[in-house]
Amino acid sequence: MDIKNEKGDVLITVEGESLSGSDFYKKELPAVDFRQADLTRTRFYAANLQSANFQGATLKRVDFQIANLQNANLRQADLSYANLLDTDLRGADLSEANLKWAVFKGTKYDKLTKFPKGFKPKDYEMTCLN
């Protein structure tokens, strides 16, 4: 299966038909297009996902620790139980995302980061970098 960016360029090829449980440890995947994908239990530890599109994706129990998600589209994504420790969310759009039981300690965000209604970053030991 070819993993492409939003321009259609192939960034990486993955064996099999499912991305669930895949390992993208330290991969360079800027502007990757994962809209509506099932990425349950996928590992993106320390991956570069700047400007990636995860809109509507299933990201349950995903490991985004130390990942670069700057300017990523995570609108309507299911991030329940996701590991976002020390992740960079500056400029990311998480509006309408499910963040139930997600872990955010040390996560970075800025004034451009959009969170779901009622979500308060200060309640999660996150760092604002304005």
N, C-alpha and C. Protein backbone atom coordinates (compact mmCIF):
# COMPACT_ATOMS: atom_id res chain seq x y z
N MET A 1 0.84 -1.16 0.00
CA MET A 1 0.00 0.00 0.00
C MET A 1 0.89 1.23 0.00
N ASP A 2 0.65 2.15 -0.91
CA ASP A 2 1.42 3.38 -0.98
C ASP A 2 0.83 4.44 -0.06
N ILE A 3 1.70 5.08 0.72
CA ILE A 3 1.30 6.19 1.57
C ILE A 3 1.70 7.46 0.83
N LYS A 4 0.71 8.32 0.56
CA LYS A 4 0.95 9.51 -0.26
C LYS A 4 0.71 10.79 0.53
N ASN A 5 1.30 11.88 0.04
CA ASN A 5 0.97 13.19 0.60
C ASN A 5 -0.23 13.73 -0.17
N GLU A 6 -0.66 14.91 0.19
CA GLU A 6 -1.88 15.46 -0.43
C GLU A 6 -1.69 15.80 -1.91
N LYS A 7 -0.44 15.89 -2.37
CA LYS A 7 -0.17 16.14 -3.79
C LYS A 7 -0.18 14.85 -4.60
N GLY A 8 -0.22 13.70 -3.91
CA GLY A 8 -0.22 12.41 -4.58
C GLY A 8 1.15 11.78 -4.69
N ASP A 9 2.18 12.43 -4.14
CA ASP A 9 3.53 11.87 -4.15
C ASP A 9 3.61 10.72 -3.16
N VAL A 10 4.22 9.61 -3.55
CA VAL A 10 4.39 8.45 -2.67
C VAL A 10 5.52 8.75 -1.68
N LEU A 11 5.20 8.67 -0.38
CA LEU A 11 6.19 8.92 0.67
C LEU A 11 6.82 7.64 1.17
N ILE A 12 6.03 6.57 1.20
CA ILE A 12 6.49 5.28 1.72
C ILE A 12 5.51 4.21 1.27
N THR A 13 5.98 2.99 1.15
CA THR A 13 5.11 1.86 0.82
C THR A 13 5.07 0.92 2.02
N VAL A 14 3.85 0.49 2.37
CA VAL A 14 3.63 -0.38 3.53
C VAL A 14 3.07 -1.71 3.05
N GLU A 15 3.56 -2.80 3.64
CA GLU A 15 3.06 -4.13 3.31
C GLU A 15 1.64 -4.31 3.83
N GLY A 16 0.81 -5.04 3.12
CA GLY A 16 -0.53 -5.37 3.58
C GLY A 16 -1.58 -4.37 3.18
N GLU A 17 -2.81 -4.66 3.57
CA GLU A 17 -3.96 -3.84 3.21
C GLU A 17 -4.41 -2.91 4.33
N SER A 18 -3.97 -3.16 5.56
CA SER A 18 -4.41 -2.37 6.70
C SER A 18 -3.24 -1.58 7.29
N LEU A 19 -3.52 -0.36 7.71
CA LEU A 19 -2.50 0.47 8.36
C LEU A 19 -2.57 0.33 9.87
N SER A 20 -3.64 -0.25 10.37
CA SER A 20 -3.80 -0.42 11.81
C SER A 20 -2.64 -1.23 12.36
N GLY A 21 -1.99 -0.70 13.40
CA GLY A 21 -0.87 -1.40 14.01
C GLY A 21 0.46 -1.20 13.30
N SER A 22 0.50 -0.33 12.30
CA SER A 22 1.74 -0.07 11.57
C SER A 22 2.74 0.67 12.44
N ASP A 23 4.01 0.64 12.04
CA ASP A 23 5.07 1.32 12.77
C ASP A 23 5.76 2.33 11.86
N PHE A 24 5.58 3.62 12.19
CA PHE A 24 6.20 4.69 11.42
C PHE A 24 7.22 5.43 12.30
N TYR A 25 7.98 4.69 13.08
CA TYR A 25 8.98 5.23 14.00
C TYR A 25 9.97 6.12 13.24
N LYS A 26 10.04 7.38 13.66
CA LYS A 26 10.97 8.38 13.11
C LYS A 26 10.84 8.57 11.59
N LYS A 27 9.70 8.28 11.01
CA LYS A 27 9.52 8.44 9.56
C LYS A 27 9.26 9.89 9.20
N GLU A 28 9.69 10.28 8.02
CA GLU A 28 9.43 11.61 7.46
C GLU A 28 8.17 11.51 6.60
N LEU A 29 7.05 12.02 7.15
CA LEU A 29 5.77 11.94 6.44
C LEU A 29 5.08 13.30 6.41
N PRO A 30 5.78 14.36 5.99
CA PRO A 30 5.14 15.67 5.95
C PRO A 30 3.99 15.70 4.94
N ALA A 31 2.90 16.32 5.33
CA ALA A 31 1.71 16.49 4.48
C ALA A 31 1.10 15.16 4.04
N VAL A 32 1.33 14.09 4.81
CA VAL A 32 0.76 12.79 4.47
C VAL A 32 -0.77 12.87 4.55
N ASP A 33 -1.45 12.11 3.71
CA ASP A 33 -2.91 12.14 3.65
C ASP A 33 -3.47 10.84 4.26
N PHE A 34 -3.92 10.93 5.52
CA PHE A 34 -4.52 9.80 6.22
C PHE A 34 -5.99 10.07 6.53
N ARG A 35 -6.66 10.86 5.72
CA ARG A 35 -8.08 11.16 5.95
C ARG A 35 -8.89 9.88 6.04
N GLN A 36 -9.73 9.80 7.09
CA GLN A 36 -10.66 8.69 7.30
C GLN A 36 -9.99 7.33 7.49
N ALA A 37 -8.68 7.27 7.63
CA ALA A 37 -7.97 5.99 7.76
C ALA A 37 -8.14 5.39 9.16
N ASP A 38 -8.11 4.06 9.24
CA ASP A 38 -8.09 3.37 10.53
C ASP A 38 -6.64 3.12 10.88
N LEU A 39 -6.14 3.88 11.84
CA LEU A 39 -4.74 3.80 12.27
C LEU A 39 -4.65 3.35 13.73
N THR A 40 -5.64 2.60 14.18
CA THR A 40 -5.67 2.12 15.56
C THR A 40 -4.35 1.44 15.91
N ARG A 41 -3.81 1.81 17.08
CA ARG A 41 -2.56 1.24 17.62
C ARG A 41 -1.34 1.43 16.73
N THR A 42 -1.36 2.44 15.86
CA THR A 42 -0.22 2.72 15.00
C THR A 42 0.82 3.54 15.78
N ARG A 43 2.08 3.32 15.47
CA ARG A 43 3.18 4.00 16.16
C ARG A 43 3.79 5.06 15.25
N PHE A 44 3.68 6.33 15.70
CA PHE A 44 4.28 7.46 15.00
C PHE A 44 5.32 8.12 15.90
N TYR A 45 5.96 7.35 16.75
CA TYR A 45 6.92 7.88 17.71
C TYR A 45 8.01 8.67 16.97
N ALA A 46 8.18 9.94 17.34
CA ALA A 46 9.21 10.83 16.80
C ALA A 46 9.10 11.03 15.28
N ALA A 47 7.92 10.81 14.70
CA ALA A 47 7.74 10.99 13.26
C ALA A 47 7.49 12.46 12.92
N ASN A 48 7.87 12.84 11.72
CA ASN A 48 7.57 14.18 11.22
C ASN A 48 6.27 14.10 10.43
N LEU A 49 5.20 14.63 11.03
CA LEU A 49 3.87 14.61 10.42
C LEU A 49 3.36 16.04 10.22
N GLN A 50 4.29 16.94 10.01
CA GLN A 50 3.93 18.35 9.84
C GLN A 50 2.97 18.50 8.66
N SER A 51 1.87 19.21 8.90
CA SER A 51 0.83 19.48 7.90
C SER A 51 0.11 18.22 7.41
N ALA A 52 0.17 17.14 8.17
CA ALA A 52 -0.52 15.90 7.81
C ALA A 52 -2.04 16.08 7.92
N ASN A 53 -2.77 15.29 7.15
CA ASN A 53 -4.24 15.35 7.19
C ASN A 53 -4.77 14.04 7.78
N PHE A 54 -5.28 14.14 9.01
CA PHE A 54 -5.87 13.00 9.72
C PHE A 54 -7.37 13.23 9.93
N GLN A 55 -7.98 14.09 9.14
CA GLN A 55 -9.39 14.43 9.37
C GLN A 55 -10.26 13.18 9.34
N GLY A 56 -11.03 12.98 10.43
CA GLY A 56 -11.95 11.87 10.53
C GLY A 56 -11.29 10.51 10.72
N ALA A 57 -9.99 10.48 10.95
CA ALA A 57 -9.27 9.20 11.10
C ALA A 57 -9.52 8.58 12.47
N THR A 58 -9.41 7.26 12.54
CA THR A 58 -9.48 6.52 13.80
C THR A 58 -8.05 6.37 14.30
N LEU A 59 -7.75 7.06 15.40
CA LEU A 59 -6.40 7.10 15.95
C LEU A 59 -6.40 6.59 17.39
N LYS A 60 -7.25 5.62 17.67
CA LYS A 60 -7.34 5.06 19.02
C LYS A 60 -6.03 4.40 19.40
N ARG A 61 -5.54 4.73 20.61
CA ARG A 61 -4.32 4.14 21.17
C ARG A 61 -3.09 4.35 20.29
N VAL A 62 -3.09 5.41 19.48
CA VAL A 62 -1.94 5.73 18.63
C VAL A 62 -0.83 6.35 19.48
N ASP A 63 0.41 6.07 19.13
CA ASP A 63 1.56 6.64 19.81
C ASP A 63 2.15 7.76 18.97
N PHE A 64 1.86 9.00 19.39
CA PHE A 64 2.40 10.20 18.74
C PHE A 64 3.50 10.82 19.59
N GLN A 65 4.06 10.09 20.55
CA GLN A 65 5.04 10.67 21.46
C GLN A 65 6.21 11.28 20.67
N ILE A 66 6.54 12.51 21.01
CA ILE A 66 7.63 13.30 20.42
C ILE A 66 7.42 13.57 18.93
N ALA A 67 6.25 13.31 18.39
CA ALA A 67 5.98 13.54 16.97
C ALA A 67 5.78 15.03 16.68
N ASN A 68 6.07 15.42 15.44
CA ASN A 68 5.83 16.77 14.97
C ASN A 68 4.50 16.77 14.22
N LEU A 69 3.47 17.33 14.86
CA LEU A 69 2.14 17.46 14.25
C LEU A 69 1.80 18.93 14.02
N GLN A 70 2.83 19.75 13.79
CA GLN A 70 2.58 21.17 13.54
C GLN A 70 1.69 21.32 12.31
N ASN A 71 0.67 22.15 12.44
CA ASN A 71 -0.27 22.47 11.36
C ASN A 71 -1.02 21.26 10.81
N ALA A 72 -1.08 20.18 11.58
CA ALA A 72 -1.80 18.98 11.14
C ALA A 72 -3.31 19.18 11.27
N ASN A 73 -4.06 18.52 10.40
CA ASN A 73 -5.51 18.54 10.45
C ASN A 73 -5.97 17.26 11.16
N LEU A 74 -6.44 17.43 12.41
CA LEU A 74 -6.94 16.31 13.21
C LEU A 74 -8.43 16.50 13.51
N ARG A 75 -9.10 17.30 12.70
CA ARG A 75 -10.53 17.56 12.90
C ARG A 75 -11.31 16.25 12.85
N GLN A 76 -12.21 16.09 13.81
CA GLN A 76 -13.12 14.96 13.88
C GLN A 76 -12.40 13.61 14.01
N ALA A 77 -11.13 13.61 14.35
CA ALA A 77 -10.38 12.36 14.53
C ALA A 77 -10.69 11.77 15.90
N ASP A 78 -10.64 10.45 16.00
CA ASP A 78 -10.83 9.77 17.28
C ASP A 78 -9.45 9.48 17.87
N LEU A 79 -9.04 10.31 18.83
CA LEU A 79 -7.74 10.19 19.48
C LEU A 79 -7.89 9.62 20.89
N SER A 80 -8.93 8.84 21.11
CA SER A 80 -9.14 8.28 22.45
C SER A 80 -7.96 7.36 22.82
N TYR A 81 -7.46 7.55 24.03
CA TYR A 81 -6.34 6.79 24.58
C TYR A 81 -5.02 7.02 23.83
N ALA A 82 -4.93 8.06 23.03
CA ALA A 82 -3.70 8.34 22.27
C ALA A 82 -2.60 8.86 23.19
N ASN A 83 -1.37 8.53 22.85
CA ASN A 83 -0.20 9.02 23.57
C ASN A 83 0.35 10.23 22.82
N LEU A 84 0.16 11.43 23.43
CA LEU A 84 0.65 12.67 22.84
C LEU A 84 1.69 13.33 23.74
N LEU A 85 2.43 12.52 24.49
CA LEU A 85 3.47 13.05 25.37
C LEU A 85 4.55 13.76 24.55
N ASP A 86 4.84 15.01 24.93
CA ASP A 86 5.89 15.81 24.29
C ASP A 86 5.69 16.00 22.79
N THR A 87 4.47 15.88 22.32
CA THR A 87 4.14 16.08 20.90
C THR A 87 4.03 17.57 20.60
N ASP A 88 4.37 17.97 19.38
CA ASP A 88 4.26 19.36 18.95
C ASP A 88 2.97 19.55 18.17
N LEU A 89 2.01 20.24 18.80
CA LEU A 89 0.71 20.49 18.18
C LEU A 89 0.54 21.95 17.76
N ARG A 90 1.63 22.70 17.63
CA ARG A 90 1.50 24.11 17.26
C ARG A 90 0.81 24.24 15.90
N GLY A 91 -0.27 25.03 15.88
CA GLY A 91 -1.02 25.27 14.66
C GLY A 91 -1.93 24.14 14.23
N ALA A 92 -1.98 23.06 15.00
CA ALA A 92 -2.83 21.91 14.64
C ALA A 92 -4.30 22.20 14.89
N ASP A 93 -5.16 21.56 14.13
CA ASP A 93 -6.61 21.72 14.28
C ASP A 93 -7.19 20.42 14.81
N LEU A 94 -7.59 20.45 16.10
CA LEU A 94 -8.20 19.29 16.75
C LEU A 94 -9.69 19.53 17.01
N SER A 95 -10.31 20.49 16.29
CA SER A 95 -11.71 20.75 16.54
C SER A 95 -12.53 19.50 16.28
N GLU A 96 -13.49 19.29 17.14
CA GLU A 96 -14.41 18.16 17.09
C GLU A 96 -13.72 16.79 17.25
N ALA A 97 -12.46 16.77 17.66
CA ALA A 97 -11.75 15.50 17.87
C ALA A 97 -12.18 14.88 19.20
N ASN A 98 -12.15 13.55 19.26
CA ASN A 98 -12.42 12.83 20.51
C ASN A 98 -11.08 12.66 21.22
N LEU A 99 -10.91 13.33 22.37
CA LEU A 99 -9.67 13.29 23.12
C LEU A 99 -9.82 12.54 24.44
N LYS A 100 -10.86 11.70 24.54
CA LYS A 100 -11.12 10.97 25.78
C LYS A 100 -9.93 10.08 26.13
N TRP A 101 -9.41 10.29 27.33
CA TRP A 101 -8.31 9.52 27.91
C TRP A 101 -6.98 9.68 27.17
N ALA A 102 -6.87 10.68 26.30
CA ALA A 102 -5.59 10.95 25.64
C ALA A 102 -4.62 11.55 26.66
N VAL A 103 -3.33 11.28 26.48
CA VAL A 103 -2.29 11.74 27.40
C VAL A 103 -1.51 12.87 26.73
N PHE A 104 -1.41 14.03 27.42
CA PHE A 104 -0.82 15.23 26.83
C PHE A 104 0.36 15.82 27.58
N LYS A 105 0.89 15.23 28.58
CA LYS A 105 1.93 15.85 29.41
C LYS A 105 3.13 16.28 28.55
N GLY A 106 3.51 17.57 28.69
CA GLY A 106 4.64 18.10 27.95
C GLY A 106 4.33 18.46 26.50
N THR A 107 3.10 18.27 26.07
CA THR A 107 2.70 18.58 24.70
C THR A 107 2.75 20.08 24.47
N LYS A 108 3.24 20.49 23.29
CA LYS A 108 3.37 21.90 22.96
C LYS A 108 2.22 22.33 22.04
N TYR A 109 1.74 23.56 22.28
CA TYR A 109 0.71 24.13 21.42
C TYR A 109 0.94 25.63 21.36
N ASP A 110 0.19 26.35 20.53
CA ASP A 110 0.29 27.80 20.47
C ASP A 110 -1.10 28.40 20.28
N LYS A 111 -1.14 29.71 20.09
CA LYS A 111 -2.44 30.39 19.98
C LYS A 111 -3.20 29.99 18.71
N LEU A 112 -2.54 29.37 17.76
CA LEU A 112 -3.20 28.93 16.53
C LEU A 112 -3.77 27.51 16.64
N THR A 113 -3.38 26.78 17.67
CA THR A 113 -3.88 25.43 17.87
C THR A 113 -5.36 25.48 18.22
N LYS A 114 -6.17 24.67 17.55
CA LYS A 114 -7.61 24.63 17.80
C LYS A 114 -7.95 23.32 18.52
N PHE A 115 -8.65 23.45 19.65
CA PHE A 115 -9.06 22.30 20.44
C PHE A 115 -10.58 22.16 20.40
N PRO A 116 -11.10 20.98 20.76
CA PRO A 116 -12.56 20.81 20.82
C PRO A 116 -13.15 21.75 21.87
N LYS A 117 -14.41 22.09 21.70
CA LYS A 117 -15.10 22.95 22.67
C LYS A 117 -14.99 22.34 24.06
N GLY A 118 -14.65 23.19 25.02
CA GLY A 118 -14.58 22.75 26.41
C GLY A 118 -13.23 22.18 26.82
N PHE A 119 -12.35 21.91 25.88
CA PHE A 119 -11.02 21.36 26.22
C PHE A 119 -10.13 22.49 26.73
N LYS A 120 -9.48 22.26 27.87
CA LYS A 120 -8.62 23.27 28.48
C LYS A 120 -7.21 22.73 28.59
N PRO A 121 -6.29 23.16 27.71
CA PRO A 121 -4.92 22.65 27.73
C PRO A 121 -4.23 22.79 29.09
N LYS A 122 -4.56 23.85 29.83
CA LYS A 122 -3.90 24.06 31.14
C LYS A 122 -4.22 22.94 32.12
N ASP A 123 -5.28 22.18 31.86
CA ASP A 123 -5.64 21.06 32.75
C ASP A 123 -4.80 19.81 32.46
N TYR A 124 -3.95 19.85 31.44
CA TYR A 124 -3.22 18.66 31.00
C TYR A 124 -1.69 18.81 31.01
N GLU A 125 -1.16 19.76 31.73
CA GLU A 125 0.28 19.98 31.80
C GLU A 125 0.90 20.16 30.43
N MET A 126 0.21 20.93 29.56
CA MET A 126 0.70 21.23 28.23
C MET A 126 1.46 22.55 28.29
N THR A 127 2.32 22.80 27.30
CA THR A 127 3.12 24.02 27.26
C THR A 127 2.71 24.88 26.09
N CYS A 128 2.33 26.14 26.38
CA CYS A 128 1.95 27.08 25.32
C CYS A 128 3.19 27.84 24.86
N LEU A 129 3.50 27.76 23.56
CA LEU A 129 4.64 28.45 22.98
C LEU A 129 4.13 29.52 22.02
N ASN A 130 3.81 30.68 22.56
CA ASN A 130 3.31 31.78 21.70
C ASN A 130 4.41 32.71 21.32
